């Protein structure tokens, strides 16, 4: 699945750049180890080069898995219908009902389609790069959690599952296709059946988790609005079941838990400023 028509870097170029960065990292590592003084800038440059190569490799892997031609579409449809039945048995709101609440509002639907196709990649990448350069003490935790989350998501996505918009019996409209904003129509060979779990929700949840982790302001909890809005968008546009997002969040929680078990990957503990109180004055009576 290449994304040049959407303005994103195609996976082949991403792989090529990642390989060049990896080679650059090896050269810098050799230079660092041979240096008698081992300057700090050399170690820092080597680390950043290595991590940028990893980010691009994960990005390329996501696109490559999205290029796999699904087999057994009948089984994929059956899996999607099974998820719909499961949600109904749990008493969850139906995706069709959520979509019907706004389907008549053309502006809202167009904004949702634009959000789905354009927002998740730049927001995710910008936050990762920001942590790498500006909050480096939290980078190891962020990187390892992202890598584990993506690995688990991509592994599960090898099992094709039809999204709601491809299941006519559910009565859900493919809004992006109707409005001419379908990423799948623009990207030849895109796998529309890699719908479980939702990578959109996984990435949005990672962004929220990272911002809550590294920021100090009490306003940081507003970051939770981002995955919540993303969940609404993927449902309204017919791209995911609610459970696709739930599974993505569970995967992220498992990935973060595994990362926390590795001492070298743990984020720094936030230290609260100690409030010093003056000891009471004791008046000694004569």
C-alpha atoms as a PDB file:
ATOM      1  CA  UNK A   1       0.000   0.000   0.000  1.00  0.00           C
ATOM      2  CA  UNK A   2       1.715   3.185  -1.184  1.00  0.00           C
ATOM      3  CA  UNK A   3       0.341   6.551  -0.124  1.00  0.00           C
ATOM      4  CA  UNK A   4       1.783   9.110  -2.591  1.00  0.00           C
ATOM      5  CA  UNK A   5      -1.697  10.093  -3.760  1.00  0.00           C
ATOM      6  CA  UNK A   6      -2.453  11.111  -0.184  1.00  0.00           C
ATOM      7  CA  UNK A   7       0.749  13.107   0.175  1.00  0.00           C
ATOM      8  CA  UNK A   8       2.514  10.547   2.402  1.00  0.00           C
ATOM      9  CA  UNK A   9       5.870   8.893   1.890  1.00  0.00           C
ATOM     10  CA  UNK A  10       5.575   5.574  -0.052  1.00  0.00           C
ATOM     11  CA  UNK A  11       6.892   2.522   1.761  1.00  0.00           C
ATOM     12  CA  UNK A  12       9.693   1.847  -0.751  1.00  0.00           C
ATOM     13  CA  UNK A  13      11.174   5.289  -0.183  1.00  0.00           C
ATOM     14  CA  UNK A  14      10.654   4.874   3.562  1.00  0.00           C
ATOM     15  CA  UNK A  15      12.600   1.604   3.498  1.00  0.00           C
ATOM     16  CA  UNK A  16      15.382   3.183   1.427  1.00  0.00           C
ATOM     17  CA  UNK A  17      15.721   6.125   3.808  1.00  0.00           C
ATOM     18  CA  UNK A  18      15.599   3.792   6.817  1.00  0.00           C
ATOM     19  CA  UNK A  19      18.420   1.693   5.346  1.00  0.00           C
ATOM     20  CA  UNK A  20      20.525   4.801   4.684  1.00  0.00           C
ATOM     21  CA  UNK A  21      19.916   6.011   8.221  1.00  0.00           C
ATOM     22  CA  UNK A  22      20.846   2.588   9.600  1.00  0.00           C
ATOM     23  CA  UNK A  23      24.100   2.674   7.641  1.00  0.00           C
ATOM     24  CA  UNK A  24      24.733   6.178   8.926  1.00  0.00           C
ATOM     25  CA  UNK A  25      24.120   4.975  12.458  1.00  0.00           C
ATOM     26  CA  UNK A  26      26.648   2.155  12.042  1.00  0.00           C
ATOM     27  CA  UNK A  27      29.253   4.604  10.741  1.00  0.00           C
ATOM     28  CA  UNK A  28      28.619   6.962  13.645  1.00  0.00           C
ATOM     29  CA  UNK A  29      28.795   4.096  16.142  1.00  0.00           C
ATOM     30  CA  UNK A  30      32.152   2.970  14.768  1.00  0.00           C
ATOM     31  CA  UNK A  31      33.435   6.541  14.933  1.00  0.00           C
ATOM     32  CA  UNK A  32      32.145   6.921  18.485  1.00  0.00           C
ATOM     33  CA  UNK A  33      33.770   3.722  19.709  1.00  0.00           C
ATOM     34  CA  UNK A  34      37.086   4.596  18.093  1.00  0.00           C
ATOM     35  CA  UNK A  35      37.092   8.115  19.455  1.00  0.00           C
ATOM     36  CA  UNK A  36      39.339   8.609  22.439  1.00  0.00           C
ATOM     37  CA  UNK A  37      37.139  11.333  23.909  1.00  0.00           C
ATOM     38  CA  UNK A  38      33.748   9.999  22.732  1.00  0.00           C
ATOM     39  CA  UNK A  39      32.127  13.444  22.281  1.00  0.00           C
ATOM     40  CA  UNK A  40      28.536  13.818  23.444  1.00  0.00           C
ATOM     41  CA  UNK A  41      27.347  15.194  20.108  1.00  0.00           C
ATOM     42  CA  UNK A  42      28.526  12.040  18.332  1.00  0.00           C
ATOM     43  CA  UNK A  43      26.644   9.734  20.692  1.00  0.00           C
ATOM     44  CA  UNK A  44      23.531  11.913  20.457  1.00  0.00           C
ATOM     45  CA  UNK A  45      23.637  12.021  16.654  1.00  0.00           C
ATOM     46  CA  UNK A  46      24.089   8.255  16.469  1.00  0.00           C
ATOM     47  CA  UNK A  47      21.108   7.680  18.753  1.00  0.00           C
ATOM     48  CA  UNK A  48      18.811  10.033  16.834  1.00  0.00           C
ATOM     49  CA  UNK A  49      19.848   8.475  13.516  1.00  0.00           C
ATOM     50  CA  UNK A  50      19.089   4.988  14.812  1.00  0.00           C
ATOM     51  CA  UNK A  51      15.696   5.962  16.199  1.00  0.00           C
ATOM     52  CA  UNK A  52      14.629   7.786  13.025  1.00  0.00           C
ATOM     53  CA  UNK A  53      15.517   4.636  11.077  1.00  0.00           C
ATOM     54  CA  UNK A  54      13.284   2.640  13.418  1.00  0.00           C
ATOM     55  CA  UNK A  55      10.359   5.055  13.008  1.00  0.00           C
ATOM     56  CA  UNK A  56      10.593   4.813   9.218  1.00  0.00           C
ATOM     57  CA  UNK A  57      10.886   1.024   9.380  1.00  0.00           C
ATOM     58  CA  UNK A  58       7.684   0.796  11.453  1.00  0.00           C
ATOM     59  CA  UNK A  59       5.937   3.166   9.051  1.00  0.00           C
ATOM     60  CA  UNK A  60       6.995   1.021   6.082  1.00  0.00           C
ATOM     61  CA  UNK A  61       5.927  -2.188   7.841  1.00  0.00           C
ATOM     62  CA  UNK A  62       2.457  -0.726   8.416  1.00  0.00           C
ATOM     63  CA  UNK A  63       2.131   0.062   4.713  1.00  0.00           C
ATOM     64  CA  UNK A  64       3.496  -3.320   3.615  1.00  0.00           C
ATOM     65  CA  UNK A  65       1.024  -5.257   5.757  1.00  0.00           C
ATOM     66  CA  UNK A  66      -1.707  -3.027   4.373  1.00  0.00           C
ATOM     67  CA  UNK A  67      -0.714  -4.196   0.888  1.00  0.00           C
ATOM     68  CA  UNK A  68      -1.342  -7.889   1.507  1.00  0.00           C
ATOM     69  CA  UNK A  69      -4.182  -9.127  -0.673  1.00  0.00           C
ATOM     70  CA  UNK A  70      -6.786 -10.640   1.625  1.00  0.00           C
ATOM     71  CA  UNK A  71      -7.788 -14.243   1.092  1.00  0.00           C
ATOM     72  CA  UNK A  72     -11.124 -15.763   1.961  1.00  0.00           C
ATOM     73  CA  UNK A  73     -13.351 -12.696   1.733  1.00  0.00           C
ATOM     74  CA  UNK A  74     -16.352 -14.756   2.787  1.00  0.00           C
ATOM     75  CA  UNK A  75     -14.544 -15.553   6.027  1.00  0.00           C
ATOM     76  CA  UNK A  76     -13.676 -11.861   6.396  1.00  0.00           C
ATOM     77  CA  UNK A  77     -17.344 -10.913   6.016  1.00  0.00           C
ATOM     78  CA  UNK A  78     -18.328 -13.619   8.491  1.00  0.00           C
ATOM     79  CA  UNK A  79     -15.759 -12.311  10.979  1.00  0.00           C
ATOM     80  CA  UNK A  80     -17.138  -8.784  10.635  1.00  0.00           C
ATOM     81  CA  UNK A  81     -20.709  -9.955  11.172  1.00  0.00           C
ATOM     82  CA  UNK A  82     -19.567 -11.968  14.183  1.00  0.00           C
ATOM     83  CA  UNK A  83     -18.118  -8.793  15.716  1.00  0.00           C
ATOM     84  CA  UNK A  84     -21.407  -6.980  15.074  1.00  0.00           C
ATOM     85  CA  UNK A  85     -23.309  -9.787  16.799  1.00  0.00           C
ATOM     86  CA  UNK A  86     -20.860  -9.758  19.712  1.00  0.00           C
ATOM     87  CA  UNK A  87     -21.339  -6.026  20.250  1.00  0.00           C
ATOM     88  CA  UNK A  88     -25.104  -6.453  20.116  1.00  0.00           C
ATOM     89  CA  UNK A  89     -24.972  -9.242  22.695  1.00  0.00           C
ATOM     90  CA  UNK A  90     -22.923  -6.966  24.959  1.00  0.00           C
ATOM     91  CA  UNK A  91     -25.515  -4.213  24.641  1.00  0.00           C
ATOM     92  CA  UNK A  92     -23.154  -1.763  22.953  1.00  0.00           C
ATOM     93  CA  UNK A  93     -24.487   1.021  20.694  1.00  0.00           C
ATOM     94  CA  UNK A  94     -24.727   0.035  17.042  1.00  0.00           C
ATOM     95  CA  UNK A  95     -22.400   1.671  14.531  1.00  0.00           C
ATOM     96  CA  UNK A  96     -25.377   2.210  12.212  1.00  0.00           C
ATOM     97  CA  UNK A  97     -27.218   4.132  14.919  1.00  0.00           C
ATOM     98  CA  UNK A  98     -24.202   6.337  15.642  1.00  0.00           C
ATOM     99  CA  UNK A  99     -23.772   7.088  11.941  1.00  0.00           C
ATOM    100  CA  UNK A 100     -27.469   7.771  11.376  1.00  0.00           C
ATOM    101  CA  UNK A 101     -27.379  10.489  14.032  1.00  0.00           C
ATOM    102  CA  UNK A 102     -25.170  12.670  11.795  1.00  0.00           C
ATOM    103  CA  UNK A 103     -25.412  11.221   8.283  1.00  0.00           C
ATOM    104  CA  UNK A 104     -27.749  13.997   7.133  1.00  0.00           C
ATOM    105  CA  UNK A 105     -25.236  16.695   8.101  1.00  0.00           C
ATOM    106  CA  UNK A 106     -22.998  16.926   5.041  1.00  0.00           C
ATOM    107  CA  UNK A 107     -20.474  19.250   6.697  1.00  0.00           C
ATOM    108  CA  UNK A 108     -19.963  16.951   9.679  1.00  0.00           C
ATOM    109  CA  UNK A 109     -19.517  13.918   7.437  1.00  0.00           C
ATOM    110  CA  UNK A 110     -17.009  15.688   5.198  1.00  0.00           C
ATOM    111  CA  UNK A 111     -15.021  16.820   8.232  1.00  0.00           C
ATOM    112  CA  UNK A 112     -15.050  13.263   9.578  1.00  0.00           C
ATOM    113  CA  UNK A 113     -13.829  11.901   6.232  1.00  0.00           C
ATOM    114  CA  UNK A 114     -11.038  14.503   6.112  1.00  0.00           C
ATOM    115  CA  UNK A 115     -10.071  13.690   9.704  1.00  0.00           C
ATOM    116  CA  UNK A 116      -9.895   9.965   8.938  1.00  0.00           C
ATOM    117  CA  UNK A 117      -7.753  10.322   5.827  1.00  0.00           C
ATOM    118  CA  UNK A 118      -5.436  13.157   6.802  1.00  0.00           C
ATOM    119  CA  UNK A 119      -4.824  13.525  10.526  1.00  0.00           C
ATOM    120  CA  UNK A 120      -3.541  10.330  12.120  1.00  0.00           C
ATOM    121  CA  UNK A 121      -0.153  10.004  10.387  1.00  0.00           C
ATOM    122  CA  UNK A 122       1.132  13.599  10.832  1.00  0.00           C
ATOM    123  CA  UNK A 123      -0.060  13.866  14.446  1.00  0.00           C
ATOM    124  CA  UNK A 124       1.532  10.536  15.342  1.00  0.00           C
ATOM    125  CA  UNK A 125       4.849  11.317  13.643  1.00  0.00           C
ATOM    126  CA  UNK A 126       5.060  14.864  15.019  1.00  0.00           C
ATOM    127  CA  UNK A 127       4.521  13.632  18.590  1.00  0.00           C
ATOM    128  CA  UNK A 128       7.135  10.885  18.203  1.00  0.00           C
ATOM    129  CA  UNK A 129       9.709  13.312  16.795  1.00  0.00           C
ATOM    130  CA  UNK A 130       8.887  15.834  19.530  1.00  0.00           C
ATOM    131  CA  UNK A 131       9.514  13.234  22.237  1.00  0.00           C
ATOM    132  CA  UNK A 132      12.730  12.118  20.536  1.00  0.00           C
ATOM    133  CA  UNK A 133      14.181  15.625  20.419  1.00  0.00           C
ATOM    134  CA  UNK A 134      12.502  17.436  23.307  1.00  0.00           C
ATOM    135  CA  UNK A 135      11.634  14.752  25.880  1.00  0.00           C
ATOM    136  CA  UNK A 136      14.401  12.267  25.316  1.00  0.00           C
ATOM    137  CA  UNK A 137      14.209  10.856  28.834  1.00  0.00           C
ATOM    138  CA  UNK A 138      10.818   9.365  27.878  1.00  0.00           C
ATOM    139  CA  UNK A 139      11.873   8.192  24.426  1.00  0.00           C
ATOM    140  CA  UNK A 140      12.924   4.634  25.311  1.00  0.00           C
ATOM    141  CA  UNK A 141       9.530   3.895  26.850  1.00  0.00           C
ATOM    142  CA  UNK A 142       7.706   5.553  23.951  1.00  0.00           C
ATOM    143  CA  UNK A 143       9.690   3.786  21.237  1.00  0.00           C
ATOM    144  CA  UNK A 144       9.460   0.319  22.746  1.00  0.00           C
ATOM    145  CA  UNK A 145       5.752   0.684  23.480  1.00  0.00           C
ATOM    146  CA  UNK A 146       5.097   1.856  19.916  1.00  0.00           C
ATOM    147  CA  UNK A 147       7.126  -1.010  18.444  1.00  0.00           C
ATOM    148  CA  UNK A 148       5.328  -3.642  20.530  1.00  0.00           C
ATOM    149  CA  UNK A 149       1.918  -2.109  19.827  1.00  0.00           C
ATOM    150  CA  UNK A 150       2.520  -2.025  16.083  1.00  0.00           C
ATOM    151  CA  UNK A 151       3.895  -5.565  16.041  1.00  0.00           C
ATOM    152  CA  UNK A 152       0.808  -6.930  17.794  1.00  0.00           C
ATOM    153  CA  UNK A 153      -1.586  -4.886  15.652  1.00  0.00           C
ATOM    154  CA  UNK A 154       0.049  -5.963  12.395  1.00  0.00           C
ATOM    155  CA  UNK A 155       0.094  -9.594  13.472  1.00  0.00           C
ATOM    156  CA  UNK A 156      -3.636  -9.560  14.219  1.00  0.00           C
ATOM    157  CA  UNK A 157      -4.377  -7.714  10.974  1.00  0.00           C
ATOM    158  CA  UNK A 158      -3.062 -10.672   9.004  1.00  0.00           C
ATOM    159  CA  UNK A 159      -6.488 -12.187   9.751  1.00  0.00           C
ATOM    160  CA  UNK A 160      -8.883 -10.363   7.377  1.00  0.00           C
ATOM    161  CA  UNK A 161     -11.969  -8.825   8.960  1.00  0.00           C
ATOM    162  CA  UNK A 162     -14.514  -6.810   6.995  1.00  0.00           C
ATOM    163  CA  UNK A 163     -15.177  -3.277   8.256  1.00  0.00           C
ATOM    164  CA  UNK A 164     -18.807  -2.189   8.781  1.00  0.00           C
ATOM    165  CA  UNK A 165     -18.970  -0.236   5.507  1.00  0.00           C
ATOM    166  CA  UNK A 166     -18.316  -3.423   3.507  1.00  0.00           C
ATOM    167  CA  UNK A 167     -21.177  -5.320   5.149  1.00  0.00           C
ATOM    168  CA  UNK A 168     -24.405  -4.239   3.389  1.00  0.00           C
ATOM    169  CA  UNK A 169     -26.648  -6.015   5.889  1.00  0.00           C
ATOM    170  CA  UNK A 170     -25.559  -3.566   8.605  1.00  0.00           C
ATOM    171  CA  UNK A 171     -26.915  -0.577   6.681  1.00  0.00           C
ATOM    172  CA  UNK A 172     -23.769   1.522   7.100  1.00  0.00           C
ATOM    173  CA  UNK A 173     -22.742   4.034   4.435  1.00  0.00           C
ATOM    174  CA  UNK A 174     -19.168   4.238   3.129  1.00  0.00           C
ATOM    175  CA  UNK A 175     -19.132   8.006   3.561  1.00  0.00           C
ATOM    176  CA  UNK A 176     -15.668   8.590   2.113  1.00  0.00           C
ATOM    177  CA  UNK A 177     -16.517   6.654  -1.045  1.00  0.00           C
ATOM    178  CA  UNK A 178     -19.708   8.675  -1.482  1.00  0.00           C
ATOM    179  CA  UNK A 179     -17.842  11.964  -0.951  1.00  0.00           C
ATOM    180  CA  UNK A 180     -14.863  11.047  -3.140  1.00  0.00           C
ATOM    181  CA  UNK A 181     -12.387  10.982  -0.235  1.00  0.00           C
ATOM    182  CA  UNK A 182     -11.851   7.238   0.062  1.00  0.00           C
ATOM    183  CA  UNK A 183      -8.204   6.466   0.800  1.00  0.00           C
ATOM    184  CA  UNK A 184      -8.792   2.961  -0.530  1.00  0.00           C
ATOM    185  CA  UNK A 185      -9.993   4.266  -3.893  1.00  0.00           C
ATOM    186  CA  UNK A 186      -6.889   6.468  -4.137  1.00  0.00           C
ATOM    187  CA  UNK A 187      -4.438   3.743  -3.129  1.00  0.00           C
ATOM    188  CA  UNK A 188      -4.378   0.777  -5.530  1.00  0.00           C
ATOM    189  CA  UNK A 189      -3.927  -2.545  -3.776  1.00  0.00           C
ATOM    190  CA  UNK A 190      -4.870  -1.269  -0.335  1.00  0.00           C
ATOM    191  CA  UNK A 191      -6.139  -4.004   1.951  1.00  0.00           C
ATOM    192  CA  UNK A 192      -9.555  -2.869   3.129  1.00  0.00           C
ATOM    193  CA  UNK A 193      -9.914  -5.935   5.330  1.00  0.00           C
ATOM    194  CA  UNK A 194      -7.094  -5.095   7.764  1.00  0.00           C
ATOM    195  CA  UNK A 195      -9.701  -3.559  10.038  1.00  0.00           C
ATOM    196  CA  UNK A 196      -9.075  -5.361  13.329  1.00  0.00           C
ATOM    197  CA  UNK A 197      -7.680  -3.748  15.397  1.00  0.00           C
ATOM    198  CA  UNK A 198      -7.962  -0.072  14.470  1.00  0.00           C
ATOM    199  CA  UNK A 199      -4.502   1.393  13.919  1.00  0.00           C
ATOM    200  CA  UNK A 200      -6.120   4.837  13.942  1.00  0.00           C
ATOM    201  CA  UNK A 201      -7.207   4.226  17.534  1.00  0.00           C
ATOM    202  CA  UNK A 202      -3.883   2.647  18.483  1.00  0.00           C
ATOM    203  CA  UNK A 203      -1.932   5.656  17.237  1.00  0.00           C
ATOM    204  CA  UNK A 204      -4.336   8.191  18.749  1.00  0.00           C
ATOM    205  CA  UNK A 205      -4.158   6.381  22.095  1.00  0.00           C
ATOM    206  CA  UNK A 206      -0.355   6.349  21.941  1.00  0.00           C
ATOM    207  CA  UNK A 207      -0.384  10.113  21.344  1.00  0.00           C
ATOM    208  CA  UNK A 208      -2.655  10.650  24.356  1.00  0.00           C
ATOM    209  CA  UNK A 209      -0.584   8.334  26.555  1.00  0.00           C
ATOM    210  CA  UNK A 210       2.678  10.051  25.634  1.00  0.00           C
ATOM    211  CA  UNK A 211       1.332  13.566  26.193  1.00  0.00           C
ATOM    212  CA  UNK A 212      -0.078  12.589  29.582  1.00  0.00           C
ATOM    213  CA  UNK A 213       3.239  10.962  30.453  1.00  0.00           C
ATOM    214  CA  UNK A 214       5.613  13.763  29.511  1.00  0.00           C
ATOM    215  CA  UNK A 215       3.631  16.922  30.186  1.00  0.00           C
ATOM    216  CA  UNK A 216       3.237  18.396  33.657  1.00  0.00           C
ATOM    217  CA  UNK A 217       0.196  20.609  33.220  1.00  0.00           C
ATOM    218  CA  UNK A 218      -3.139  19.354  34.582  1.00  0.00           C
ATOM    219  CA  UNK A 219      -4.500  20.195  31.126  1.00  0.00           C
ATOM    220  CA  UNK A 220      -2.590  17.217  29.749  1.00  0.00           C
ATOM    221  CA  UNK A 221      -5.592  14.982  30.470  1.00  0.00           C
ATOM    222  CA  UNK A 222      -7.423  16.742  27.654  1.00  0.00           C
ATOM    223  CA  UNK A 223      -5.259  14.606  25.358  1.00  0.00           C
ATOM    224  CA  UNK A 224      -7.773  11.809  25.990  1.00  0.00           C
ATOM    225  CA  UNK A 225     -10.183  13.743  23.774  1.00  0.00           C
ATOM    226  CA  UNK A 226      -8.044  12.825  20.762  1.00  0.00           C
ATOM    227  CA  UNK A 227      -8.583   9.026  20.841  1.00  0.00           C
ATOM    228  CA  UNK A 228     -12.218   9.620  21.831  1.00  0.00           C
ATOM    229  CA  UNK A 229     -12.745  11.858  18.788  1.00  0.00           C
ATOM    230  CA  UNK A 230     -10.891   9.372  16.603  1.00  0.00           C
ATOM    231  CA  UNK A 231     -13.148   6.540  17.773  1.00  0.00           C
ATOM    232  CA  UNK A 232     -16.202   8.602  16.858  1.00  0.00           C
ATOM    233  CA  UNK A 233     -14.717   9.382  13.432  1.00  0.00           C
ATOM    234  CA  UNK A 234     -13.853   5.788  12.516  1.00  0.00           C
ATOM    235  CA  UNK A 235     -17.375   4.716  13.488  1.00  0.00           C
ATOM    236  CA  UNK A 236     -19.216   7.547  11.725  1.00  0.00           C
ATOM    237  CA  UNK A 237     -17.252   6.953   8.515  1.00  0.00           C
ATOM    238  CA  UNK A 238     -18.053   3.239   8.625  1.00  0.00           C
ATOM    239  CA  UNK A 239     -14.433   2.140   8.861  1.00  0.00           C
ATOM    240  CA  UNK A 240     -14.455   0.323  12.191  1.00  0.00           C
ATOM    241  CA  UNK A 241     -16.512  -1.397  14.810  1.00  0.00           C
ATOM    242  CA  UNK A 242     -16.329  -0.086  18.358  1.00  0.00           C
ATOM    243  CA  UNK A 243     -14.578  -3.287  19.368  1.00  0.00           C
ATOM    244  CA  UNK A 244     -11.782  -2.588  16.861  1.00  0.00           C
ATOM    245  CA  UNK A 245     -10.894   0.438  18.970  1.00  0.00           C
ATOM    246  CA  UNK A 246     -11.298  -1.405  22.258  1.00  0.00           C
ATOM    247  CA  UNK A 247      -8.895  -4.120  21.118  1.00  0.00           C
ATOM    248  CA  UNK A 248      -6.396  -1.455  20.001  1.00  0.00           C
ATOM    249  CA  UNK A 249      -6.443   0.136  23.463  1.00  0.00           C
ATOM    250  CA  UNK A 250      -6.021  -3.263  25.133  1.00  0.00           C
ATOM    251  CA  UNK A 251      -3.028  -3.990  22.891  1.00  0.00           C
ATOM    252  CA  UNK A 252      -1.477  -0.646  23.835  1.00  0.00           C
ATOM    253  CA  UNK A 253      -2.005  -1.379  27.534  1.00  0.00           C
ATOM    254  CA  UNK A 254      -0.328  -4.774  27.161  1.00  0.00           C
ATOM    255  CA  UNK A 255       2.567  -3.227  25.209  1.00  0.00           C
ATOM    256  CA  UNK A 256       3.062  -0.496  27.821  1.00  0.00           C
ATOM    257  CA  UNK A 257       2.932  -3.090  30.597  1.00  0.00           C
ATOM    258  CA  UNK A 258       5.588  -5.222  28.919  1.00  0.00           C
ATOM    259  CA  UNK A 259       7.773  -2.157  28.403  1.00  0.00           C
ATOM    260  CA  UNK A 260       7.501  -1.223  32.075  1.00  0.00           C
ATOM    261  CA  UNK A 261       8.863  -4.647  32.997  1.00  0.00           C
ATOM    262  CA  UNK A 262      12.158  -3.680  31.323  1.00  0.00           C
ATOM    263  CA  UNK A 263      14.078  -1.402  33.725  1.00  0.00           C
ATOM    264  CA  UNK A 264      16.031   0.356  30.974  1.00  0.00           C
ATOM    265  CA  UNK A 265      12.819   1.306  29.158  1.00  0.00           C
ATOM    266  CA  UNK A 266      10.885   2.777  32.059  1.00  0.00           C
ATOM    267  CA  UNK A 267      10.014   6.478  31.894  1.00  0.00           C
ATOM    268  CA  UNK A 268      11.267   8.783  34.633  1.00  0.00           C
ATOM    269  CA  UNK A 269       9.042   9.103  37.670  1.00  0.00           C
ATOM    270  CA  UNK A 270       7.477  12.513  37.996  1.00  0.00           C
ATOM    271  CA  UNK A 271       8.714  14.206  41.123  1.00  0.00           C
ATOM    272  CA  UNK A 272       6.333  16.470  42.921  1.00  0.00           C
ATOM    273  CA  UNK A 273       7.850  19.516  44.424  1.00  0.00           C
ATOM    274  CA  UNK A 274       8.070  18.979  48.123  1.00  0.00           C
ATOM    275  CA  UNK A 275       6.170  21.568  50.082  1.00  0.00           C
ATOM    276  CA  UNK A 276       8.108  22.667  53.062  1.00  0.00           C
ATOM    277  CA  UNK A 277       6.209  23.793  56.065  1.00  0.00           C
ATOM    278  CA  UNK A 278       7.768  25.791  58.778  1.00  0.00           C
ATOM    279  CA  UNK A 279       7.807  23.947  62.079  1.00  0.00           C
ATOM    280  CA  UNK A 280       5.593  25.598  64.668  1.00  0.00           C
ATOM    281  CA  UNK A 281       7.185  27.958  67.087  1.00  0.00           C
ATOM    282  CA  UNK A 282       6.990  26.752  70.604  1.00  0.00           C
ATOM    283  CA  UNK A 283       6.728  29.377  73.244  1.00  0.00           C
ATOM    284  CA  UNK A 284       8.363  28.222  76.395  1.00  0.00           C
ATOM    285  CA  UNK A 285       6.532  29.517  79.370  1.00  0.00           C
ATOM    286  CA  UNK A 286       8.630  30.754  82.207  1.00  0.00           C
END
